[in-house]
Structures are given as structure tokens and as C-alpha cells.
Amino acid sequence: QVQLVESGGGLVQAGGSLRLSCAASGRTSGRKGMGWFRQAPGKVREFVASISRSGGSTDYADSVMGRFTISRDNAKNTVSLQMNSLKPEDTAVYYCAATPDWVTTTRRPNTYDYWGQGTQVTVSS
């Protein structure tokens, strides 16, 4: 069984930065693609970024391209999301997600089998 625990959310002013972390327990190192999604009140969960099993391939939603960076450390079983130049529209609950073993990441939530509990990010204007 895999458990994902996010941390690093909080309140920040527009233009500021936050770094989210996701700690994975269980056998995840190098076996699972990882992604970050977010959900704002009254909206559907949307793709933010993903990273391949090796970390060699990443993908970003257009809305965060150039501002957010996803990375992973397979030795530590962690995935991070560095968020810069934050905007009020980035306000949401951010979720870390993992694919089943050896499955390629996509932008679709149903590709991912494991989800964290979420961490709130609030950007004030």
C-alpha cells in the first residue's frame, strides 16, 4: 500500500513563492509516475504537473508553465512542486498523486491510483 502526505501549503501574497512536498511511503521509488493536481471551490480537479518515474520527463499545465517546477528524489521517495510568481487564481487545494507501478503519467486524474489528503494554498491579491 502507498500513502502520500503533502506539506508546504499556506497563505502567500501574489507574486510570492511556495514549495510543496509530497512524501511517499511504500514501494514507490522509481516505480511510479507522480503528479500534482489542484481543486478550487466549485471547480473540478485539474492537472498541474507530472513527472516520469526517472524524473527525466515533466509536463505542465499551460496555466503554470514557466512558474512552477516539479521534481523528485527517488532516494528519499519525495516529490516537490516549486511555485513561483503565484497568482490569486492559483488558490486551491493541491493534491499529490501516484500512478500504478510502471504506468506512464498523463493529465487525467483517473490515471492515478493513489492520492494524498491535499494541502491548501491561498494566494492573496
Protein backbone atom coordinates (compact mmCIF):
# COMPACT_ATOMS: atom_id res chain seq x y z
CA GLN A 1 0.00 0.00 0.00
CA VAL A 2 1.20 3.51 -0.83
CA GLN A 3 0.50 6.56 1.28
CA LEU A 4 1.13 10.12 0.13
CA VAL A 5 1.42 13.05 2.52
CA GLU A 6 1.62 16.62 1.25
CA SER A 7 3.07 19.56 3.12
CA GLY A 8 4.13 23.13 2.47
CA GLY A 9 0.86 24.84 1.73
CA GLY A 10 -0.12 28.16 3.24
CA LEU A 11 -1.06 31.77 2.67
CA VAL A 12 1.11 33.93 0.43
CA GLN A 13 0.76 37.25 -1.33
CA ALA A 14 0.52 37.45 -5.09
CA GLY A 15 3.96 37.28 -6.64
CA GLY A 16 5.29 35.16 -3.81
CA SER A 17 6.55 31.58 -3.73
CA LEU A 18 5.74 28.32 -2.00
CA ARG A 19 7.28 24.87 -2.17
CA LEU A 20 5.02 21.86 -1.78
CA SER A 21 6.40 18.47 -0.84
CA CYS A 22 4.91 15.01 -1.07
CA ALA A 23 6.35 12.17 0.98
CA ALA A 24 5.54 8.68 -0.23
CA SER A 25 5.58 5.57 1.90
CA GLY A 26 5.72 2.08 0.47
CA ARG A 27 7.47 0.91 -2.67
CA THR A 28 7.37 3.94 -4.91
CA SER A 29 10.98 4.76 -5.73
CA GLY A 30 11.39 4.76 -9.47
CA ARG A 31 8.27 2.62 -10.00
CA LYS A 32 5.53 5.22 -10.12
CA GLY A 33 4.86 8.31 -12.13
CA MET A 34 3.89 11.25 -9.94
CA GLY A 35 1.61 14.21 -10.46
CA TRP A 36 0.21 17.30 -8.81
CA PHE A 37 -3.42 18.32 -9.22
CA ARG A 38 -5.45 21.10 -7.69
CA GLN A 39 -9.08 21.80 -6.94
CA ALA A 40 -10.61 25.19 -6.24
CA PRO A 41 -14.02 25.55 -4.59
CA GLY A 42 -16.81 24.75 -7.03
CA LYS A 43 -14.41 23.57 -9.73
CA VAL A 44 -13.27 20.21 -10.97
CA ARG A 45 -9.89 18.81 -10.07
CA GLU A 46 -7.34 19.93 -12.64
CA PHE A 47 -3.91 18.81 -13.70
CA VAL A 48 -0.96 20.95 -12.63
CA ALA A 49 2.24 18.98 -13.35
CA SER A 50 3.62 15.48 -13.67
CA ILE A 51 7.00 13.79 -13.63
CA SER A 52 8.09 10.45 -15.02
CA ARG A 53 9.44 7.55 -12.98
CA SER A 54 13.05 8.53 -13.61
CA GLY A 55 12.42 12.25 -13.36
CA GLY A 56 13.64 12.73 -16.90
CA SER A 57 10.31 13.85 -18.32
CA THR A 58 7.96 16.51 -16.99
CA ASP A 59 4.68 18.04 -18.12
CA TYR A 60 2.92 21.21 -17.05
CA ALA A 61 -0.48 22.76 -17.47
CA ASP A 62 -0.34 25.87 -19.63
CA SER A 63 -1.52 27.98 -16.71
CA VAL A 64 1.59 27.18 -14.63
CA MET A 65 4.22 26.73 -17.33
CA GLY A 66 7.29 28.82 -16.54
CA ARG A 67 6.19 29.49 -12.96
CA PHE A 68 6.03 26.02 -11.39
CA THR A 69 8.70 23.31 -11.33
CA ILE A 70 8.14 19.68 -10.40
CA SER A 71 11.00 17.49 -9.21
CA ARG A 72 11.53 14.19 -7.45
CA ASP A 73 14.11 12.47 -5.30
CA ASN A 74 13.74 8.72 -5.67
CA ALA A 75 16.27 8.03 -2.92
CA LYS A 76 14.05 9.91 -0.47
CA ASN A 77 10.68 8.97 -2.01
CA THR A 78 9.67 12.60 -2.32
CA VAL A 79 8.17 14.81 -5.00
CA SER A 80 8.21 18.59 -4.84
CA LEU A 81 6.42 21.43 -6.57
CA GLN A 82 8.19 24.78 -6.52
CA MET A 83 5.65 27.50 -7.18
CA ASN A 84 6.85 30.99 -8.08
CA SER A 85 5.08 34.16 -9.18
CA LEU A 86 1.90 32.94 -7.55
CA LYS A 87 -1.42 34.43 -8.61
CA PRO A 88 -4.77 34.57 -6.81
CA GLU A 89 -6.13 32.11 -9.37
CA ASP A 90 -3.62 29.54 -8.09
CA THR A 91 -5.64 29.34 -4.87
CA ALA A 92 -6.79 25.74 -4.40
CA VAL A 93 -6.24 22.52 -2.52
CA TYR A 94 -3.21 20.83 -4.06
CA TYR A 95 -3.03 17.06 -4.25
CA CYS A 96 -0.11 14.74 -4.86
CA ALA A 97 -0.89 11.61 -6.86
CA ALA A 98 0.91 8.42 -7.92
CA THR A 99 0.27 6.05 -10.79
CA PRO A 100 0.20 2.28 -10.51
CA ASP A 101 3.62 0.66 -10.97
CA TRP A 102 5.21 1.27 -14.38
CA VAL A 103 2.29 3.31 -15.71
CA THR A 104 3.10 6.45 -17.68
CA THR A 105 1.81 9.73 -16.31
CA THR A 106 -0.96 11.61 -18.08
CA ARG A 107 -3.04 14.70 -17.36
CA ARG A 108 -6.08 12.62 -16.46
CA PRO A 109 -6.87 12.10 -12.76
CA ASN A 110 -8.08 8.55 -13.40
CA THR A 111 -4.56 7.52 -14.41
CA TYR A 112 -3.52 7.86 -10.79
CA ASP A 113 -4.35 5.27 -8.15
CA TYR A 114 -3.02 6.94 -5.03
CA TRP A 115 -3.81 10.38 -3.66
CA GLY A 116 -2.71 12.47 -0.73
CA GLN A 117 -5.08 14.30 1.57
CA GLY A 118 -4.31 17.67 -0.01
CA THR A 119 -2.74 20.89 1.20
CA GLN A 120 -4.35 24.32 0.98
CA VAL A 121 -2.63 27.06 -1.00
CA THR A 122 -4.14 30.54 -0.71
CA VAL A 123 -2.79 33.47 -2.71
CA SER A 124 -3.99 36.92 -1.69
CA SER A 125 -4.14 39.84 -4.09
